[in-house]
Amino acid sequence: MTPAVIFVHGLGLTGDVWAPQQKWCKEHQIESVALTLPGHGSRRNDVASVTGMVDEIIAATQHLEKVILVGHSFGGLLCALAAPKIQNIEHIILINPLLAAKQIKRSFFISMKMGEFAQQFFGVRKRPGKFAKGSKWFWRWSIYPYCLMCNKIETIEKLYLEIKSIARVSLAMLTSYTILLSQNDELLTPAVSKNSITVPFSGHMLFRLSPEEINRFLDRVLLRQMEHRV
């Protein structure tokens, strides 16, 4: 049986950003869920905490027979924290993941400043998700979170402090994982390991800048592995 896929977005985004990957899953009759985390998008008024988000990921897996977690950036951190507590997990795919607290200072600072700018000039508080469909330029120049999120700035500050207290996620706790890295990432220092694969595209939002590459990898992990088990 092909595992279901649970997609977990990064800071300031929503589940909608996984549209290219969910379309691929639908075309291949693979069940998928793209979570929108508390404090983000339509849930921007919900209380956001790392612990609460991890609990939601775990809860999303409980009605499924087997699952693959796919997490981007901050979502990669959440997946890495949730995975050891999930019994039915087959594999974890981390895309440009945030795994060490020392990585977050710059990205969170930019998120807060650009979030303030977007709220002031784009009116995103009134129009959550209004700019969800952007060009590659839109994604490459990191405009995406601030037009999508409508997050409260205090939520970002709170999460920043929580992640600092975690310090670092140990990859040794993960039994089966792959890290997909952009050739160049404007926000994070690559979390290189023996299970890292560098994709020849630049940009933190790899799965939006080059969705076909990510979909090819999903094909390899989901479909080809399942064929070998038959």
C-alpha atoms as a PDB file:
ATOM      1  CA  MET A   1       0.000   0.000   0.000  1.00  0.00           C
ATOM      2  CA  THR A   2       1.315   3.440  -0.940  1.00  0.00           C
ATOM      3  CA  PRO A   3       1.782   5.667   2.118  1.00  0.00           C
ATOM      4  CA  ALA A   4      -0.174   8.884   2.485  1.00  0.00           C
ATOM      5  CA  VAL A   5       1.807  12.126   2.397  1.00  0.00           C
ATOM      6  CA  ILE A   6       1.542  14.884   4.985  1.00  0.00           C
ATOM      7  CA  PHE A   7       2.987  18.236   3.900  1.00  0.00           C
ATOM      8  CA  VAL A   8       4.096  20.761   6.536  1.00  0.00           C
ATOM      9  CA  HIS A   9       4.778  24.347   5.475  1.00  0.00           C
ATOM     10  CA  GLY A  10       7.383  26.776   6.778  1.00  0.00           C
ATOM     11  CA  LEU A  11       7.118  29.946   8.795  1.00  0.00           C
ATOM     12  CA  GLY A  12       4.554  32.423   7.520  1.00  0.00           C
ATOM     13  CA  LEU A  13       3.085  30.174   4.833  1.00  0.00           C
ATOM     14  CA  THR A  14      -0.066  28.049   4.599  1.00  0.00           C
ATOM     15  CA  GLY A  15      -0.925  24.568   3.362  1.00  0.00           C
ATOM     16  CA  ASP A  16      -1.864  26.068  -0.019  1.00  0.00           C
ATOM     17  CA  VAL A  17       1.798  26.441  -0.994  1.00  0.00           C
ATOM     18  CA  TRP A  18       1.983  22.682  -1.566  1.00  0.00           C
ATOM     19  CA  ALA A  19      -0.493  22.868  -4.471  1.00  0.00           C
ATOM     20  CA  PRO A  20       1.972  21.524  -7.124  1.00  0.00           C
ATOM     21  CA  GLN A  21       2.857  18.533  -4.955  1.00  0.00           C
ATOM     22  CA  GLN A  22      -0.744  17.815  -3.977  1.00  0.00           C
ATOM     23  CA  LYS A  23      -1.726  17.931  -7.643  1.00  0.00           C
ATOM     24  CA  TRP A  24       0.962  15.324  -8.358  1.00  0.00           C
ATOM     25  CA  CYS A  25      -0.330  13.144  -5.512  1.00  0.00           C
ATOM     26  CA  LYS A  26      -3.884  13.378  -6.832  1.00  0.00           C
ATOM     27  CA  GLU A  27      -2.774  12.415 -10.342  1.00  0.00           C
ATOM     28  CA  HIS A  28      -1.136   9.293  -8.896  1.00  0.00           C
ATOM     29  CA  GLN A  29      -4.051   8.486  -6.577  1.00  0.00           C
ATOM     30  CA  ILE A  30      -1.974   9.086  -3.457  1.00  0.00           C
ATOM     31  CA  GLU A  31      -3.717  10.467  -0.406  1.00  0.00           C
ATOM     32  CA  SER A  32      -2.187  13.724   0.804  1.00  0.00           C
ATOM     33  CA  VAL A  33      -2.830  16.314   3.491  1.00  0.00           C
ATOM     34  CA  ALA A  34      -1.335  19.816   3.519  1.00  0.00           C
ATOM     35  CA  LEU A  35      -1.603  21.177   7.033  1.00  0.00           C
ATOM     36  CA  THR A  36      -2.095  24.852   7.817  1.00  0.00           C
ATOM     37  CA  LEU A  37      -0.429  25.403  11.158  1.00  0.00           C
ATOM     38  CA  PRO A  38      -1.848  27.433  14.069  1.00  0.00           C
ATOM     39  CA  GLY A  39      -1.027  31.130  13.820  1.00  0.00           C
ATOM     40  CA  HIS A  40      -0.851  30.991  10.014  1.00  0.00           C
ATOM     41  CA  GLY A  41      -3.224  32.005   7.224  1.00  0.00           C
ATOM     42  CA  SER A  42      -6.860  31.207   7.997  1.00  0.00           C
ATOM     43  CA  ARG A  43      -5.723  30.042  11.455  1.00  0.00           C
ATOM     44  CA  ARG A  44      -3.796  33.208  12.247  1.00  0.00           C
ATOM     45  CA  ASN A  45      -5.830  33.804  15.410  1.00  0.00           C
ATOM     46  CA  ASP A  46      -5.074  30.345  16.841  1.00  0.00           C
ATOM     47  CA  VAL A  47      -2.392  30.114  19.501  1.00  0.00           C
ATOM     48  CA  ALA A  48       0.894  29.040  17.889  1.00  0.00           C
ATOM     49  CA  SER A  49       3.545  27.013  19.685  1.00  0.00           C
ATOM     50  CA  VAL A  50       6.145  24.493  18.584  1.00  0.00           C
ATOM     51  CA  THR A  51       4.705  21.847  20.906  1.00  0.00           C
ATOM     52  CA  GLY A  52       1.166  22.429  19.653  1.00  0.00           C
ATOM     53  CA  MET A  53       2.239  22.228  16.011  1.00  0.00           C
ATOM     54  CA  VAL A  54       4.146  18.987  16.600  1.00  0.00           C
ATOM     55  CA  ASP A  55       1.068  17.531  18.302  1.00  0.00           C
ATOM     56  CA  GLU A  56      -1.066  18.453  15.266  1.00  0.00           C
ATOM     57  CA  ILE A  57       1.324  16.649  12.917  1.00  0.00           C
ATOM     58  CA  ILE A  58       1.202  13.544  15.097  1.00  0.00           C
ATOM     59  CA  ALA A  59      -2.607  13.699  15.260  1.00  0.00           C
ATOM     60  CA  ALA A  60      -2.826  13.979  11.452  1.00  0.00           C
ATOM     61  CA  THR A  61      -1.024  10.637  11.069  1.00  0.00           C
ATOM     62  CA  GLN A  62      -3.151   8.610  13.449  1.00  0.00           C
ATOM     63  CA  HIS A  63      -5.952   7.617  11.060  1.00  0.00           C
ATOM     64  CA  LEU A  64      -3.504   6.617   8.305  1.00  0.00           C
ATOM     65  CA  GLU A  65      -1.908   3.203   7.833  1.00  0.00           C
ATOM     66  CA  LYS A  66       1.480   4.505   6.675  1.00  0.00           C
ATOM     67  CA  VAL A  67       2.745   8.044   6.175  1.00  0.00           C
ATOM     68  CA  ILE A  68       5.557  10.043   4.670  1.00  0.00           C
ATOM     69  CA  LEU A  69       6.216  13.461   6.187  1.00  0.00           C
ATOM     70  CA  VAL A  70       7.393  16.290   3.931  1.00  0.00           C
ATOM     71  CA  GLY A  71       8.486  19.458   5.711  1.00  0.00           C
ATOM     72  CA  HIS A  72       9.976  22.696   4.413  1.00  0.00           C
ATOM     73  CA  SER A  73      12.196  25.020   6.471  1.00  0.00           C
ATOM     74  CA  PHE A  74      10.491  25.526   9.855  1.00  0.00           C
ATOM     75  CA  GLY A  75       8.121  22.719   8.833  1.00  0.00           C
ATOM     76  CA  GLY A  76      11.180  20.481   8.492  1.00  0.00           C
ATOM     77  CA  LEU A  77      12.067  21.203  12.104  1.00  0.00           C
ATOM     78  CA  LEU A  78       8.527  20.316  13.182  1.00  0.00           C
ATOM     79  CA  CYS A  79       8.584  17.054  11.191  1.00  0.00           C
ATOM     80  CA  ALA A  80      11.928  16.093  12.712  1.00  0.00           C
ATOM     81  CA  LEU A  81      10.523  16.702  16.196  1.00  0.00           C
ATOM     82  CA  ALA A  82       7.303  14.786  15.474  1.00  0.00           C
ATOM     83  CA  ALA A  83       8.788  11.784  13.645  1.00  0.00           C
ATOM     84  CA  PRO A  84      10.196   9.849  16.645  1.00  0.00           C
ATOM     85  CA  LYS A  85       6.697   9.883  18.171  1.00  0.00           C
ATOM     86  CA  ILE A  86       4.954   8.477  15.077  1.00  0.00           C
ATOM     87  CA  GLN A  87       4.680   4.683  14.820  1.00  0.00           C
ATOM     88  CA  ASN A  88       3.454   4.411  11.228  1.00  0.00           C
ATOM     89  CA  ILE A  89       6.055   6.607   9.542  1.00  0.00           C
ATOM     90  CA  GLU A  90       7.802   5.293   6.421  1.00  0.00           C
ATOM     91  CA  HIS A  91      10.107   8.155   5.495  1.00  0.00           C
ATOM     92  CA  ILE A  92      10.735  11.859   6.099  1.00  0.00           C
ATOM     93  CA  ILE A  93      11.623  14.355   3.374  1.00  0.00           C
ATOM     94  CA  LEU A  94      13.093  17.626   4.647  1.00  0.00           C
ATOM     95  CA  ILE A  95      13.343  20.464   2.111  1.00  0.00           C
ATOM     96  CA  ASN A  96      15.869  23.176   3.030  1.00  0.00           C
ATOM     97  CA  PRO A  97      15.127  22.425   6.689  1.00  0.00           C
ATOM     98  CA  LEU A  98      15.735  24.635   9.692  1.00  0.00           C
ATOM     99  CA  LEU A  99      17.423  22.248  12.121  1.00  0.00           C
ATOM    100  CA  ALA A 100      19.730  24.418  14.254  1.00  0.00           C
ATOM    101  CA  ALA A 101      18.806  27.464  16.327  1.00  0.00           C
ATOM    102  CA  LYS A 102      21.831  29.363  15.047  1.00  0.00           C
ATOM    103  CA  GLN A 103      20.249  29.306  11.569  1.00  0.00           C
ATOM    104  CA  ILE A 104      17.147  31.187  12.558  1.00  0.00           C
ATOM    105  CA  LYS A 105      18.324  34.648  13.579  1.00  0.00           C
ATOM    106  CA  ARG A 106      18.576  36.055  10.067  1.00  0.00           C
ATOM    107  CA  SER A 107      15.471  34.373   8.670  1.00  0.00           C
ATOM    108  CA  PHE A 108      13.291  35.396  11.594  1.00  0.00           C
ATOM    109  CA  PHE A 109      14.605  38.948  11.565  1.00  0.00           C
ATOM    110  CA  ILE A 110      13.806  39.219   7.856  1.00  0.00           C
ATOM    111  CA  SER A 111      10.375  37.645   8.438  1.00  0.00           C
ATOM    112  CA  MET A 112       9.490  40.191  11.083  1.00  0.00           C
ATOM    113  CA  LYS A 113      10.707  43.232   9.165  1.00  0.00           C
ATOM    114  CA  MET A 114       9.192  42.182   5.852  1.00  0.00           C
ATOM    115  CA  GLY A 115       6.014  41.127   7.627  1.00  0.00           C
ATOM    116  CA  GLU A 116       5.662  44.630   9.010  1.00  0.00           C
ATOM    117  CA  PHE A 117       6.266  46.039   5.518  1.00  0.00           C
ATOM    118  CA  ALA A 118       3.674  43.747   3.922  1.00  0.00           C
ATOM    119  CA  GLN A 119       1.093  44.531   6.564  1.00  0.00           C
ATOM    120  CA  GLN A 120       1.603  48.237   6.032  1.00  0.00           C
ATOM    121  CA  PHE A 121       1.783  48.427   2.239  1.00  0.00           C
ATOM    122  CA  PHE A 122      -0.109  45.363   0.975  1.00  0.00           C
ATOM    123  CA  GLY A 123      -2.859  45.272   3.577  1.00  0.00           C
ATOM    124  CA  VAL A 124      -2.339  41.563   4.123  1.00  0.00           C
ATOM    125  CA  ARG A 125      -4.128  41.620   7.462  1.00  0.00           C
ATOM    126  CA  LYS A 126      -7.323  42.245   5.536  1.00  0.00           C
ATOM    127  CA  ARG A 127      -6.563  39.899   2.649  1.00  0.00           C
ATOM    128  CA  PRO A 128      -5.068  36.616   3.886  1.00  0.00           C
ATOM    129  CA  GLY A 129      -3.822  34.446   1.049  1.00  0.00           C
ATOM    130  CA  LYS A 130      -4.555  37.109  -1.540  1.00  0.00           C
ATOM    131  CA  PHE A 131      -1.157  36.737  -3.183  1.00  0.00           C
ATOM    132  CA  ALA A 132      -0.967  32.935  -3.100  1.00  0.00           C
ATOM    133  CA  LYS A 133      -0.431  32.630  -6.858  1.00  0.00           C
ATOM    134  CA  GLY A 134       2.905  34.259  -7.607  1.00  0.00           C
ATOM    135  CA  SER A 135       5.455  34.039 -10.380  1.00  0.00           C
ATOM    136  CA  LYS A 136       8.893  32.515  -9.918  1.00  0.00           C
ATOM    137  CA  TRP A 137      10.135  36.046  -9.306  1.00  0.00           C
ATOM    138  CA  PHE A 138       7.613  36.307  -6.480  1.00  0.00           C
ATOM    139  CA  TRP A 139       8.982  33.162  -4.831  1.00  0.00           C
ATOM    140  CA  ARG A 140      12.654  33.717  -5.611  1.00  0.00           C
ATOM    141  CA  TRP A 141      12.803  37.147  -4.002  1.00  0.00           C
ATOM    142  CA  SER A 142      11.179  35.941  -0.796  1.00  0.00           C
ATOM    143  CA  ILE A 143       8.027  38.028  -1.065  1.00  0.00           C
ATOM    144  CA  TYR A 144       5.927  34.888  -0.471  1.00  0.00           C
ATOM    145  CA  PRO A 145       5.561  34.662   3.322  1.00  0.00           C
ATOM    146  CA  TYR A 146       4.660  38.228   3.952  1.00  0.00           C
ATOM    147  CA  CYS A 147       1.810  38.349   1.454  1.00  0.00           C
ATOM    148  CA  LEU A 148       0.488  34.943   2.450  1.00  0.00           C
ATOM    149  CA  MET A 149       0.792  34.814   6.165  1.00  0.00           C
ATOM    150  CA  CYS A 150      -1.170  37.635   7.778  1.00  0.00           C
ATOM    151  CA  ASN A 151       0.551  36.387  10.908  1.00  0.00           C
ATOM    152  CA  LYS A 152       0.738  38.475  13.999  1.00  0.00           C
ATOM    153  CA  ILE A 153       4.272  39.728  14.542  1.00  0.00           C
ATOM    154  CA  GLU A 154       4.135  38.630  18.180  1.00  0.00           C
ATOM    155  CA  THR A 155       3.509  35.052  16.989  1.00  0.00           C
ATOM    156  CA  ILE A 156       6.773  35.099  15.051  1.00  0.00           C
ATOM    157  CA  GLU A 157       8.626  36.488  18.060  1.00  0.00           C
ATOM    158  CA  LYS A 158       7.206  33.768  20.313  1.00  0.00           C
ATOM    159  CA  LEU A 159       8.182  30.977  17.925  1.00  0.00           C
ATOM    160  CA  TYR A 160      11.653  32.478  17.572  1.00  0.00           C
ATOM    161  CA  LEU A 161      12.227  32.210  21.318  1.00  0.00           C
ATOM    162  CA  GLU A 162      10.808  28.677  21.447  1.00  0.00           C
ATOM    163  CA  ILE A 163      13.093  27.407  18.713  1.00  0.00           C
ATOM    164  CA  LYS A 164      16.108  29.025  20.346  1.00  0.00           C
ATOM    165  CA  SER A 165      15.353  26.999  23.469  1.00  0.00           C
ATOM    166  CA  ILE A 166      15.372  23.741  21.452  1.00  0.00           C
ATOM    167  CA  ALA A 167      18.896  24.508  20.153  1.00  0.00           C
ATOM    168  CA  ARG A 168      19.214  21.707  17.573  1.00  0.00           C
ATOM    169  CA  VAL A 169      17.395  18.659  16.241  1.00  0.00           C
ATOM    170  CA  SER A 170      19.387  15.432  16.153  1.00  0.00           C
ATOM    171  CA  LEU A 171      19.136  13.647  12.815  1.00  0.00           C
ATOM    172  CA  ALA A 172      20.247  10.473  14.575  1.00  0.00           C
ATOM    173  CA  MET A 173      16.704  10.214  15.968  1.00  0.00           C
ATOM    174  CA  LEU A 174      15.321   9.824  12.439  1.00  0.00           C
ATOM    175  CA  THR A 175      15.390   6.264  11.121  1.00  0.00           C
ATOM    176  CA  SER A 176      14.669   7.002   7.453  1.00  0.00           C
ATOM    177  CA  TYR A 177      15.024  10.487   6.020  1.00  0.00           C
ATOM    178  CA  THR A 178      16.265  12.491   3.051  1.00  0.00           C
ATOM    179  CA  ILE A 179      17.274  16.154   3.018  1.00  0.00           C
ATOM    180  CA  LEU A 180      16.722  18.023  -0.250  1.00  0.00           C
ATOM    181  CA  LEU A 181      18.828  21.173  -0.529  1.00  0.00           C
ATOM    182  CA  SER A 182      18.894  24.027  -3.006  1.00  0.00           C
ATOM    183  CA  GLN A 183      22.207  24.719  -4.669  1.00  0.00           C
ATOM    184  CA  ASN A 184      22.008  28.132  -3.018  1.00  0.00           C
ATOM    185  CA  ASP A 185      19.667  29.082  -0.160  1.00  0.00           C
ATOM    186  CA  GLU A 186      19.312  32.787   0.591  1.00  0.00           C
ATOM    187  CA  LEU A 187      17.960  32.184   4.104  1.00  0.00           C
ATOM    188  CA  LEU A 188      19.513  29.107   5.702  1.00  0.00           C
ATOM    189  CA  THR A 189      22.885  27.398   5.913  1.00  0.00           C
ATOM    190  CA  PRO A 190      22.497  23.884   4.452  1.00  0.00           C
ATOM    191  CA  ALA A 191      21.966  21.070   6.962  1.00  0.00           C
ATOM    192  CA  VAL A 192      24.334  18.706   5.180  1.00  0.00           C
ATOM    193  CA  SER A 193      24.353  15.028   6.129  1.00  0.00           C
ATOM    194  CA  LYS A 194      25.021  11.667   4.494  1.00  0.00           C
ATOM    195  CA  ASN A 195      21.370  11.674   3.399  1.00  0.00           C
ATOM    196  CA  SER A 196      21.516  15.085   1.702  1.00  0.00           C
ATOM    197  CA  ILE A 197      20.751  15.572  -1.979  1.00  0.00           C
ATOM    198  CA  THR A 198      21.548  18.910  -3.616  1.00  0.00           C
ATOM    199  CA  VAL A 199      19.071  19.968  -6.294  1.00  0.00           C
ATOM    200  CA  PRO A 200      20.656  22.236  -8.974  1.00  0.00           C
ATOM    201  CA  PHE A 201      18.297  25.151  -8.350  1.00  0.00           C
ATOM    202  CA  SER A 202      18.735  28.210  -6.147  1.00  0.00           C
ATOM    203  CA  GLY A 203      16.260  29.595  -3.637  1.00  0.00           C
ATOM    204  CA  HIS A 204      14.849  28.698  -0.246  1.00  0.00           C
ATOM    205  CA  MET A 205      11.420  27.942  -1.750  1.00  0.00           C
ATOM    206  CA  LEU A 206      12.746  24.999  -3.746  1.00  0.00           C
ATOM    207  CA  PHE A 207       9.425  23.150  -4.012  1.00  0.00           C
ATOM    208  CA  ARG A 208       7.795  26.215  -5.624  1.00  0.00           C
ATOM    209  CA  LEU A 209      10.751  27.295  -7.745  1.00  0.00           C
ATOM    210  CA  SER A 210      11.282  23.804  -9.131  1.00  0.00           C
ATOM    211  CA  PRO A 211       8.161  21.734  -8.385  1.00  0.00           C
ATOM    212  CA  GLU A 212       8.988  19.216 -11.118  1.00  0.00           C
ATOM    213  CA  GLU A 213      12.230  18.280  -9.324  1.00  0.00           C
ATOM    214  CA  ILE A 214      10.417  17.687  -6.046  1.00  0.00           C
ATOM    215  CA  ASN A 215       7.691  15.718  -7.813  1.00  0.00           C
ATOM    216  CA  ARG A 216      10.326  13.518  -9.448  1.00  0.00           C
ATOM    217  CA  PHE A 217      11.749  12.804  -6.027  1.00  0.00           C
ATOM    218  CA  LEU A 218       8.290  11.976  -4.681  1.00  0.00           C
ATOM    219  CA  ASP A 219       7.933   9.569  -7.592  1.00  0.00           C
ATOM    220  CA  ARG A 220      11.179   7.862  -6.617  1.00  0.00           C
ATOM    221  CA  VAL A 221      10.331   7.607  -2.917  1.00  0.00           C
ATOM    222  CA  LEU A 222       6.648   6.700  -3.212  1.00  0.00           C
ATOM    223  CA  LEU A 223       5.990   4.888  -6.461  1.00  0.00           C
ATOM    224  CA  ARG A 224       9.236   3.116  -7.280  1.00  0.00           C
ATOM    225  CA  GLN A 225       9.783   1.871  -3.749  1.00  0.00           C
ATOM    226  CA  MET A 226       6.238   0.537  -3.685  1.00  0.00           C
ATOM    227  CA  GLU A 227       6.819  -1.282  -7.001  1.00  0.00           C
ATOM    228  CA  HIS A 228       9.832  -3.043  -5.494  1.00  0.00           C
ATOM    229  CA  ARG A 229       7.692  -4.349  -2.655  1.00  0.00           C
ATOM    230  CA  VAL A 230       5.151  -6.026  -4.906  1.00  0.00           C
END
